[in-house]
Amino acid sequence: AGIVSRTAVSPLEVVATAQMVRGGNKGIMGELQTLFAGEGIRGFFKGNGANCLKVAPTRGIQFFAFEQFKSKLVDWKRTAKGLDADADVVLTPVERLV
């Protein structure tokens, strides 16, 4: 999901970067037209590969940490309720958000 969202907004990020470097006197549409005329469709995705490589490990670490925390929370609830190690435990919506 992170890579897809980065790719979807890549043209806007390229335009924003160009406006910061050159000065924002053209506007978004003018900058997009200039970029397309000079570099074609590939110009819209300059730097997207590096952006995606940055996102992938971050999302992986977040997912791993969430799963580990959820596992510890389920174990804690089992112990607090005196349930067997293989008993099903239901997490509340608030606990799922944490």
PDB file of N, CA and C in Angstrom:
ATOM      1  N   ALA A   1       0.822  -1.192   0.000  1.00  0.00           N
ATOM      2  CA  ALA A   1       0.000   0.000   0.000  1.00  0.00           C
ATOM      3  C   ALA A   1       0.866   1.257   0.000  1.00  0.00           C
ATOM      4  N   GLY A   2       1.955   1.219   0.747  1.00  0.00           N
ATOM      5  CA  GLY A   2       2.828   2.386   0.811  1.00  0.00           C
ATOM      6  C   GLY A   2       3.499   2.675  -0.521  1.00  0.00           C
ATOM      7  N   ILE A   3       3.909   1.599  -1.213  1.00  0.00           N
ATOM      8  CA  ILE A   3       4.565   1.772  -2.506  1.00  0.00           C
ATOM      9  C   ILE A   3       3.569   2.285  -3.543  1.00  0.00           C
ATOM     10  N   VAL A   4       2.354   1.776  -3.521  1.00  0.00           N
ATOM     11  CA  VAL A   4       1.332   2.220  -4.469  1.00  0.00           C
ATOM     12  C   VAL A   4       1.010   3.693  -4.245  1.00  0.00           C
ATOM     13  N   SER A   5       0.872   4.091  -2.998  1.00  0.00           N
ATOM     14  CA  SER A   5       0.545   5.493  -2.727  1.00  0.00           C
ATOM     15  C   SER A   5       1.695   6.415  -3.112  1.00  0.00           C
ATOM     16  N   ARG A   6       2.929   5.983  -2.877  1.00  0.00           N
ATOM     17  CA  ARG A   6       4.079   6.799  -3.284  1.00  0.00           C
ATOM     18  C   ARG A   6       4.134   6.958  -4.792  1.00  0.00           C
ATOM     19  N   THR A   7       3.850   5.880  -5.512  1.00  0.00           N
ATOM     20  CA  THR A   7       3.866   5.933  -6.974  1.00  0.00           C
ATOM     21  C   THR A   7       2.742   6.822  -7.495  1.00  0.00           C
ATOM     22  N   ALA A   8       1.588   6.768  -6.846  1.00  0.00           N
ATOM     23  CA  ALA A   8       0.440   7.567  -7.295  1.00  0.00           C
ATOM     24  C   ALA A   8       0.704   9.066  -7.158  1.00  0.00           C
ATOM     25  N   VAL A   9       1.391   9.478  -6.121  1.00  0.00           N
ATOM     26  CA  VAL A   9       1.632  10.908  -5.911  1.00  0.00           C
ATOM     27  C   VAL A   9       3.003  11.359  -6.413  1.00  0.00           C
ATOM     28  N   SER A  10       3.741  10.464  -7.033  1.00  0.00           N
ATOM     29  CA  SER A  10       5.073  10.806  -7.520  1.00  0.00           C
ATOM     30  C   SER A  10       5.095  12.014  -8.451  1.00  0.00           C
ATOM     31  N   PRO A  11       4.174  12.117  -9.421  1.00  0.00           N
ATOM     32  CA  PRO A  11       4.201  13.314 -10.271  1.00  0.00           C
ATOM     33  C   PRO A  11       4.058  14.620  -9.482  1.00  0.00           C
ATOM     34  N   LEU A  12       3.230  14.613  -8.465  1.00  0.00           N
ATOM     35  CA  LEU A  12       3.064  15.824  -7.655  1.00  0.00           C
ATOM     36  C   LEU A  12       4.311  16.129  -6.837  1.00  0.00           C
ATOM     37  N   GLU A  13       4.989  15.087  -6.366  1.00  0.00           N
ATOM     38  CA  GLU A  13       6.229  15.303  -5.619  1.00  0.00           C
ATOM     39  C   GLU A  13       7.320  15.858  -6.521  1.00  0.00           C
ATOM     40  N   VAL A  14       7.388  15.347  -7.767  1.00  0.00           N
ATOM     41  CA  VAL A  14       8.382  15.855  -8.713  1.00  0.00           C
ATOM     42  C   VAL A  14       8.115  17.330  -9.013  1.00  0.00           C
ATOM     43  N   VAL A  15       6.856  17.681  -9.204  1.00  0.00           N
ATOM     44  CA  VAL A  15       6.497  19.077  -9.475  1.00  0.00           C
ATOM     45  C   VAL A  15       6.818  19.952  -8.271  1.00  0.00           C
ATOM     46  N   ALA A  16       6.492  19.487  -7.088  1.00  0.00           N
ATOM     47  CA  ALA A  16       6.780  20.270  -5.878  1.00  0.00           C
ATOM     48  C   ALA A  16       8.284  20.494  -5.715  1.00  0.00           C
ATOM     49  N   THR A  17       9.066  19.449  -5.984  1.00  0.00           N
ATOM     50  CA  THR A  17      10.522  19.587  -5.888  1.00  0.00           C
ATOM     51  C   THR A  17      11.036  20.564  -6.932  1.00  0.00           C
ATOM     52  N   ALA A  18      10.537  20.469  -8.151  1.00  0.00           N
ATOM     53  CA  ALA A  18      10.967  21.387  -9.212  1.00  0.00           C
ATOM     54  C   ALA A  18      10.612  22.826  -8.862  1.00  0.00           C
ATOM     55  N   GLN A  19       9.444  23.036  -8.293  1.00  0.00           N
ATOM     56  CA  GLN A  19       9.048  24.395  -7.922  1.00  0.00           C
ATOM     57  C   GLN A  19       9.905  24.935  -6.783  1.00  0.00           C
ATOM     58  N   MET A  20      10.314  24.071  -5.869  1.00  0.00           N
ATOM     59  CA  MET A  20      11.187  24.531  -4.781  1.00  0.00           C
ATOM     60  C   MET A  20      12.559  24.919  -5.317  1.00  0.00           C
ATOM     61  N   VAL A  21      13.065  24.137  -6.264  1.00  0.00           N
ATOM     62  CA  VAL A  21      14.406  24.385  -6.791  1.00  0.00           C
ATOM     63  C   VAL A  21      14.426  25.587  -7.724  1.00  0.00           C
ATOM     64  N   ARG A  22      13.481  25.648  -8.651  1.00  0.00           N
ATOM     65  CA  ARG A  22      13.450  26.703  -9.663  1.00  0.00           C
ATOM     66  C   ARG A  22      12.666  27.931  -9.264  1.00  0.00           C
ATOM     67  N   GLY A  23      11.840  27.799  -8.284  1.00  0.00           N
ATOM     68  CA  GLY A  23      10.934  28.892  -7.943  1.00  0.00           C
ATOM     69  C   GLY A  23       9.573  28.582  -8.533  1.00  0.00           C
ATOM     70  N   GLY A  24       8.535  28.841  -7.786  1.00  0.00           N
ATOM     71  CA  GLY A  24       7.193  28.439  -8.189  1.00  0.00           C
ATOM     72  C   GLY A  24       6.449  29.481  -8.981  1.00  0.00           C
ATOM     73  N   ASN A  25       6.948  29.864 -10.158  1.00  0.00           N
ATOM     74  CA  ASN A  25       6.267  30.901 -10.935  1.00  0.00           C
ATOM     75  C   ASN A  25       5.357  30.349 -12.029  1.00  0.00           C
ATOM     76  N   LYS A  26       5.349  29.021 -12.259  1.00  0.00           N
ATOM     77  CA  LYS A  26       4.559  28.453 -13.354  1.00  0.00           C
ATOM     78  C   LYS A  26       3.211  27.916 -12.911  1.00  0.00           C
ATOM     79  N   GLY A  27       3.092  27.457 -11.729  1.00  0.00           N
ATOM     80  CA  GLY A  27       1.877  26.783 -11.297  1.00  0.00           C
ATOM     81  C   GLY A  27       1.995  25.288 -11.587  1.00  0.00           C
ATOM     82  N   ILE A  28       1.094  24.529 -11.020  1.00  0.00           N
ATOM     83  CA  ILE A  28       1.183  23.076 -11.129  1.00  0.00           C
ATOM     84  C   ILE A  28       1.003  22.603 -12.574  1.00  0.00           C
ATOM     85  N   MET A  29      -0.027  23.097 -13.243  1.00  0.00           N
ATOM     86  CA  MET A  29      -0.291  22.645 -14.621  1.00  0.00           C
ATOM     87  C   MET A  29       0.847  23.033 -15.563  1.00  0.00           C
ATOM     88  N   GLY A  30       1.364  24.223 -15.409  1.00  0.00           N
ATOM     89  CA  GLY A  30       2.487  24.654 -16.249  1.00  0.00           C
ATOM     90  C   GLY A  30       3.714  23.801 -16.012  1.00  0.00           C
ATOM     91  N   GLU A  31       3.969  23.490 -14.762  1.00  0.00           N
ATOM     92  CA  GLU A  31       5.122  22.652 -14.419  1.00  0.00           C
ATOM     93  C   GLU A  31       4.951  21.239 -14.963  1.00  0.00           C
ATOM     94  N   LEU A  32       3.717  20.689 -14.864  1.00  0.00           N
ATOM     95  CA  LEU A  32       3.452  19.352 -15.413  1.00  0.00           C
ATOM     96  C   LEU A  32       3.642  19.332 -16.926  1.00  0.00           C
ATOM     97  N   GLN A  33       3.173  20.384 -17.626  1.00  0.00           N
ATOM     98  CA  GLN A  33       3.330  20.454 -19.081  1.00  0.00           C
ATOM     99  C   GLN A  33       4.799  20.549 -19.478  1.00  0.00           C
ATOM    100  N   THR A  34       5.554  21.375 -18.771  1.00  0.00           N
ATOM    101  CA  THR A  34       6.983  21.514 -19.062  1.00  0.00           C
ATOM    102  C   THR A  34       7.710  20.198 -18.831  1.00  0.00           C
ATOM    103  N   LEU A  35       7.390  19.544 -17.745  1.00  0.00           N
ATOM    104  CA  LEU A  35       8.021  18.265 -17.429  1.00  0.00           C
ATOM    105  C   LEU A  35       7.697  17.221 -18.490  1.00  0.00           C
ATOM    106  N   PHE A  36       6.448  17.137 -18.888  1.00  0.00           N
ATOM    107  CA  PHE A  36       6.043  16.167 -19.907  1.00  0.00           C
ATOM    108  C   PHE A  36       6.703  16.466 -21.251  1.00  0.00           C
ATOM    109  N   ALA A  37       6.760  17.739 -21.616  1.00  0.00           N
ATOM    110  CA  ALA A  37       7.372  18.120 -22.899  1.00  0.00           C
ATOM    111  C   ALA A  37       8.869  17.813 -22.902  1.00  0.00           C
ATOM    112  N   GLY A  38       9.526  18.005 -21.777  1.00  0.00           N
ATOM    113  CA  GLY A  38      10.972  17.792 -21.714  1.00  0.00           C
ATOM    114  C   GLY A  38      11.395  16.352 -21.504  1.00  0.00           C
ATOM    115  N   GLU A  39      10.639  15.602 -20.725  1.00  0.00           N
ATOM    116  CA  GLU A  39      11.091  14.257 -20.348  1.00  0.00           C
ATOM    117  C   GLU A  39      10.075  13.159 -20.608  1.00  0.00           C
ATOM    118  N   GLY A  40       8.887  13.501 -21.026  1.00  0.00           N
ATOM    119  CA  GLY A  40       7.874  12.485 -21.279  1.00  0.00           C
ATOM    120  C   GLY A  40       7.288  11.948 -19.981  1.00  0.00           C
ATOM    121  N   ILE A  41       6.601  10.845 -20.095  1.00  0.00           N
ATOM    122  CA  ILE A  41       5.910  10.265 -18.941  1.00  0.00           C
ATOM    123  C   ILE A  41       6.901   9.795 -17.867  1.00  0.00           C
ATOM    124  N   ARG A  42       8.092   9.394 -18.287  1.00  0.00           N
ATOM    125  CA  ARG A  42       9.095   8.925 -17.316  1.00  0.00           C
ATOM    126  C   ARG A  42       9.541  10.038 -16.367  1.00  0.00           C
ATOM    127  N   GLY A  43       9.458  11.271 -16.833  1.00  0.00           N
ATOM    128  CA  GLY A  43       9.851  12.392 -15.996  1.00  0.00           C
ATOM    129  C   GLY A  43       8.989  12.543 -14.756  1.00  0.00           C
ATOM    130  N   PHE A  44       7.742  12.077 -14.837  1.00  0.00           N
ATOM    131  CA  PHE A  44       6.843  12.175 -13.689  1.00  0.00           C
ATOM    132  C   PHE A  44       7.257  11.255 -12.539  1.00  0.00           C
ATOM    133  N   PHE A  45       8.054  10.254 -12.844  1.00  0.00           N
ATOM    134  CA  PHE A  45       8.394   9.249 -11.831  1.00  0.00           C
ATOM    135  C   PHE A  45       9.871   9.261 -11.475  1.00  0.00           C
ATOM    136  N   LYS A  46      10.539  10.392 -11.697  1.00  0.00           N
ATOM    137  CA  LYS A  46      11.943  10.517 -11.304  1.00  0.00           C
ATOM    138  C   LYS A  46      12.067  10.348  -9.790  1.00  0.00           C
ATOM    139  N   GLY A  47      12.973   9.495  -9.382  1.00  0.00           N
ATOM    140  CA  GLY A  47      13.204   9.300  -7.956  1.00  0.00           C
ATOM    141  C   GLY A  47      12.206   8.390  -7.272  1.00  0.00           C
ATOM    142  N   ASN A  48      11.249   7.851  -8.015  1.00  0.00           N
ATOM    143  CA  ASN A  48      10.227   7.016  -7.398  1.00  0.00           C
ATOM    144  C   ASN A  48      10.808   5.697  -6.891  1.00  0.00           C
ATOM    145  N   GLY A  49      11.788   5.152  -7.597  1.00  0.00           N
ATOM    146  CA  GLY A  49      12.399   3.899  -7.161  1.00  0.00           C
ATOM    147  C   GLY A  49      13.029   4.026  -5.785  1.00  0.00           C
ATOM    148  N   ALA A  50      13.781   5.103  -5.588  1.00  0.00           N
ATOM    149  CA  ALA A  50      14.411   5.330  -4.277  1.00  0.00           C
ATOM    150  C   ALA A  50      13.356   5.563  -3.204  1.00  0.00           C
ATOM    151  N   ASN A  51      12.299   6.272  -3.568  1.00  0.00           N
ATOM    152  CA  ASN A  51      11.201   6.516  -2.627  1.00  0.00           C
ATOM    153  C   ASN A  51      10.556   5.204  -2.191  1.00  0.00           C
ATOM    154  N   CYS A  52      10.346   4.297  -3.152  1.00  0.00           N
ATOM    155  CA  CYS A  52       9.730   2.997  -2.840  1.00  0.00           C
ATOM    156  C   CYS A  52      10.659   2.139  -2.001  1.00  0.00           C
ATOM    157  N   LEU A  53      11.955   2.186  -2.284  1.00  0.00           N
ATOM    158  CA  LEU A  53      12.912   1.422  -1.483  1.00  0.00           C
ATOM    159  C   LEU A  53      12.953   1.917  -0.042  1.00  0.00           C
ATOM    160  N   LYS A  54      12.678   3.180   0.146  1.00  0.00           N
ATOM    161  CA  LYS A  54      12.641   3.745   1.494  1.00  0.00           C
ATOM    162  C   LYS A  54      11.394   3.297   2.244  1.00  0.00           C
ATOM    163  N   VAL A  55      10.280   3.166   1.543  1.00  0.00           N
ATOM    164  CA  VAL A  55       9.003   2.840   2.173  1.00  0.00           C
ATOM    165  C   VAL A  55       8.928   1.368   2.580  1.00  0.00           C
ATOM    166  N   ALA A  56       9.397   0.466   1.733  1.00  0.00           N
ATOM    167  CA  ALA A  56       9.230  -0.971   1.965  1.00  0.00           C
ATOM    168  C   ALA A  56       9.781  -1.446   3.311  1.00  0.00           C
ATOM    169  N   PRO A  57      11.019  -1.125   3.680  1.00  0.00           N
ATOM    170  CA  PRO A  57      11.509  -1.594   4.986  1.00  0.00           C
ATOM    171  C   PRO A  57      10.742  -0.980   6.156  1.00  0.00           C
ATOM    172  N   THR A  58      10.348   0.259   6.024  1.00  0.00           N
ATOM    173  CA  THR A  58       9.608   0.918   7.099  1.00  0.00           C
ATOM    174  C   THR A  58       8.287   0.219   7.347  1.00  0.00           C
ATOM    175  N   ARG A  59       7.541  -0.064   6.288  1.00  0.00           N
ATOM    176  CA  ARG A  59       6.250  -0.752   6.437  1.00  0.00           C
ATOM    177  C   ARG A  59       6.442  -2.161   6.976  1.00  0.00           C
ATOM    178  N   GLY A  60       7.499  -2.833   6.556  1.00  0.00           N
ATOM    179  CA  GLY A  60       7.781  -4.174   7.066  1.00  0.00           C
ATOM    180  C   GLY A  60       8.056  -4.175   8.560  1.00  0.00           C
ATOM    181  N   ILE A  61       8.828  -3.211   9.006  1.00  0.00           N
ATOM    182  CA  ILE A  61       9.137  -3.096  10.433  1.00  0.00           C
ATOM    183  C   ILE A  61       7.881  -2.764  11.227  1.00  0.00           C
ATOM    184  N   GLN A  62       7.060  -1.859  10.708  1.00  0.00           N
ATOM    185  CA  GLN A  62       5.805  -1.521  11.389  1.00  0.00           C
ATOM    186  C   GLN A  62       4.890  -2.739  11.500  1.00  0.00           C
ATOM    187  N   PHE A  63       4.779  -3.508  10.429  1.00  0.00           N
ATOM    188  CA  PHE A  63       3.927  -4.696  10.440  1.00  0.00           C
ATOM    189  C   PHE A  63       4.439  -5.714  11.447  1.00  0.00           C
ATOM    190  N   PHE A  64       5.753  -5.969  11.437  1.00  0.00           N
ATOM    191  CA  PHE A  64       6.347  -6.923  12.371  1.00  0.00           C
ATOM    192  C   PHE A  64       6.126  -6.486  13.816  1.00  0.00           C
ATOM    193  N   ALA A  65       6.373  -5.212  14.097  1.00  0.00           N
ATOM    194  CA  ALA A  65       6.197  -4.709  15.465  1.00  0.00           C
ATOM    195  C   ALA A  65       4.740  -4.821  15.904  1.00  0.00           C
ATOM    196  N   PHE A  66       3.802  -4.508  15.022  1.00  0.00           N
ATOM    197  CA  PHE A  66       2.381  -4.613  15.349  1.00  0.00           C
ATOM    198  C   PHE A  66       2.005  -6.050  15.674  1.00  0.00           C
ATOM    199  N   GLU A  67       2.450  -6.993  14.854  1.00  0.00           N
ATOM    200  CA  GLU A  67       2.120  -8.407  15.080  1.00  0.00           C
ATOM    201  C   GLU A  67       2.725  -8.907  16.393  1.00  0.00           C
ATOM    202  N   GLN A  68       3.926  -8.482  16.713  1.00  0.00           N
ATOM    203  CA  GLN A  68       4.554  -8.890  17.968  1.00  0.00           C
ATOM    204  C   GLN A  68       3.792  -8.323  19.163  1.00  0.00           C
ATOM    205  N   PHE A  69       3.407  -7.061  19.075  1.00  0.00           N
ATOM    206  CA  PHE A  69       2.661  -6.436  20.164  1.00  0.00           C
ATOM    207  C   PHE A  69       1.304  -7.105  20.348  1.00  0.00           C
ATOM    208  N   LYS A  70       0.629  -7.400  19.220  1.00  0.00           N
ATOM    209  CA  LYS A  70      -0.671  -8.052  19.290  1.00  0.00           C
ATOM    210  C   LYS A  70      -0.545  -9.429  19.940  1.00  0.00           C
ATOM    211  N   SER A  71       0.491 -10.159  19.589  1.00  0.00           N
ATOM    212  CA  SER A  71       0.715 -11.474  20.186  1.00  0.00           C
ATOM    213  C   SER A  71       0.920 -11.373  21.699  1.00  0.00           C
ATOM    214  N   LYS A  72       1.699 -10.394  22.127  1.00  0.00           N
ATOM    215  CA  LYS A  72       1.938 -10.186  23.573  1.00  0.00           C
ATOM    216  C   LYS A  72       0.641  -9.782  24.277  1.00  0.00           C
ATOM    217  N   LEU A  73      -0.180  -8.962  23.642  1.00  0.00           N
ATOM    218  CA  LEU A  73      -1.442  -8.536  24.229  1.00  0.00           C
ATOM    219  C   LEU A  73      -2.398  -9.719  24.397  1.00  0.00           C
ATOM    220  N   VAL A  74      -2.466 -10.585  23.388  1.00  0.00           N
ATOM    221  CA  VAL A  74      -3.319 -11.766  23.473  1.00  0.00           C
ATOM    222  C   VAL A  74      -2.826 -12.690  24.593  1.00  0.00           C
ATOM    223  N   ASP A  75      -1.509 -12.896  24.681  1.00  0.00           N
ATOM    224  CA  ASP A  75      -0.951 -13.737  25.756  1.00  0.00           C
ATOM    225  C   ASP A  75      -1.265 -13.149  27.124  1.00  0.00           C
ATOM    226  N   TRP A  76      -1.160 -11.830  27.248  1.00  0.00           N
ATOM    227  CA  TRP A  76      -1.440 -11.176  28.530  1.00  0.00           C
ATOM    228  C   TRP A  76      -2.910 -11.354  28.917  1.00  0.00           C
ATOM    229  N   LYS A  77      -3.818 -11.195  27.927  1.00  0.00           N
ATOM    230  CA  LYS A  77      -5.246 -11.373  28.216  1.00  0.00           C
ATOM    231  C   LYS A  77      -5.553 -12.813  28.622  1.00  0.00           C
ATOM    232  N   ARG A  78      -4.929 -13.786  27.978  1.00  0.00           N
ATOM    233  CA  ARG A  78      -5.132 -15.193  28.360  1.00  0.00           C
ATOM    234  C   ARG A  78      -4.696 -15.421  29.806  1.00  0.00           C
ATOM    235  N   THR A  79      -3.528 -14.891  30.146  1.00  0.00           N
ATOM    236  CA  THR A  79      -3.006 -15.069  31.502  1.00  0.00           C
ATOM    237  C   THR A  79      -3.897 -14.369  32.520  1.00  0.00           C
ATOM    238  N   ALA A  80      -4.337 -13.158  32.205  1.00  0.00           N
ATOM    239  CA  ALA A  80      -5.174 -12.391  33.134  1.00  0.00           C
ATOM    240  C   ALA A  80      -6.519 -13.069  33.380  1.00  0.00           C
ATOM    241  N   LYS A  81      -7.048 -13.748  32.345  1.00  0.00           N
ATOM    242  CA  LYS A  81      -8.335 -14.420  32.492  1.00  0.00           C
ATOM    243  C   LYS A  81      -8.186 -15.876  32.931  1.00  0.00           C
ATOM    244  N   GLY A  82      -6.944 -16.361  33.052  1.00  0.00           N
ATOM    245  CA  GLY A  82      -6.705 -17.731  33.470  1.00  0.00           C
ATOM    246  C   GLY A  82      -7.101 -18.755  32.418  1.00  0.00           C
ATOM    247  N   LEU A  83      -6.954 -18.422  31.141  1.00  0.00           N
ATOM    248  CA  LEU A  83      -7.331 -19.317  30.050  1.00  0.00           C
ATOM    249  C   LEU A  83      -6.154 -20.191  29.633  1.00  0.00           C
ATOM    250  N   ASP A  84      -6.467 -21.289  28.937  1.00  0.00           N
ATOM    251  CA  ASP A  84      -5.425 -22.156  28.393  1.00  0.00           C
ATOM    252  C   ASP A  84      -4.631 -21.403  27.326  1.00  0.00           C
ATOM    253  N   ALA A  85      -3.443 -21.916  27.010  1.00  0.00           N
ATOM    254  CA  ALA A  85      -2.568 -21.265  26.037  1.00  0.00           C
ATOM    255  C   ALA A  85      -3.152 -21.280  24.623  1.00  0.00           C
ATOM    256  N   ASP A  86      -4.046 -22.230  24.340  1.00  0.00           N
ATOM    257  CA  ASP A  86      -4.615 -22.291  22.993  1.00  0.00           C
ATOM    258  C   ASP A  86      -6.048 -21.752  22.910  1.00  0.00           C
ATOM    259  N   ALA A  87      -6.516 -21.123  23.980  1.00  0.00           N
ATOM    260  CA  ALA A  87      -7.881 -20.583  24.002  1.00  0.00           C
ATOM    261  C   ALA A  87      -7.973 -19.346  23.100  1.00  0.00           C
ATOM    262  N   ASP A  88      -9.126 -19.199  22.473  1.00  0.00           N
ATOM    263  CA  ASP A  88      -9.353 -18.021  21.628  1.00  0.00           C
ATOM    264  C   ASP A  88      -9.581 -16.791  22.494  1.00  0.00           C
ATOM    265  N   VAL A  89      -8.969 -15.691  22.094  1.00  0.00           N
ATOM    266  CA  VAL A  89      -9.125 -14.419  22.800  1.00  0.00           C
ATOM    267  C   VAL A  89      -9.577 -13.386  21.774  1.00  0.00           C
ATOM    268  N   VAL A  90     -10.600 -12.637  22.120  1.00  0.00           N
ATOM    269  CA  VAL A  90     -11.113 -11.596  21.229  1.00  0.00           C
ATOM    270  C   VAL A  90     -10.592 -10.252  21.712  1.00  0.00           C
ATOM    271  N   LEU A  91      -9.998  -9.501  20.779  1.00  0.00           N
ATOM    272  CA  LEU A  91      -9.523  -8.166  21.105  1.00  0.00           C
ATOM    273  C   LEU A  91     -10.631  -7.159  20.829  1.00  0.00           C
ATOM    274  N   THR A  92     -10.744  -6.174  21.697  1.00  0.00           N
ATOM    275  CA  THR A  92     -11.734  -5.113  21.489  1.00  0.00           C
ATOM    276  C   THR A  92     -11.249  -4.201  20.359  1.00  0.00           C
ATOM    277  N   PRO A  93     -12.131  -3.410  19.780  1.00  0.00           N
ATOM    278  CA  PRO A  93     -11.708  -2.482  18.727  1.00  0.00           C
ATOM    279  C   PRO A  93     -10.600  -1.528  19.185  1.00  0.00           C
ATOM    280  N   VAL A  94     -10.658  -1.081  20.412  1.00  0.00           N
ATOM    281  CA  VAL A  94      -9.630  -0.176  20.928  1.00  0.00           C
ATOM    282  C   VAL A  94      -8.283  -0.896  21.022  1.00  0.00           C
ATOM    283  N   GLU A  95      -8.322  -2.144  21.464  1.00  0.00           N
ATOM    284  CA  GLU A  95      -7.074  -2.915  21.557  1.00  0.00           C
ATOM    285  C   GLU A  95      -6.482  -3.182  20.173  1.00  0.00           C
ATOM    286  N   ARG A  96      -7.317  -3.293  19.181  1.00  0.00           N
ATOM    287  CA  ARG A  96      -6.814  -3.500  17.827  1.00  0.00           C
ATOM    288  C   ARG A  96      -6.149  -2.246  17.272  1.00  0.00           C
ATOM    289  N   LEU A  97      -6.609  -1.095  17.712  1.00  0.00           N
ATOM    290  CA  LEU A  97      -6.019   0.162  17.250  1.00  0.00           C
ATOM    291  C   LEU A  97      -4.684   0.459  17.897  1.00  0.00           C
ATOM    292  N   VAL A  98      -4.491  -0.040  19.105  1.00  0.00           N
ATOM    293  CA  VAL A  98      -3.261   0.233  19.845  1.00  0.00           C
ATOM    294  C   VAL A  98      -2.118  -0.460  19.238  1.00  0.00           C
TER     295      VAL A  98
END
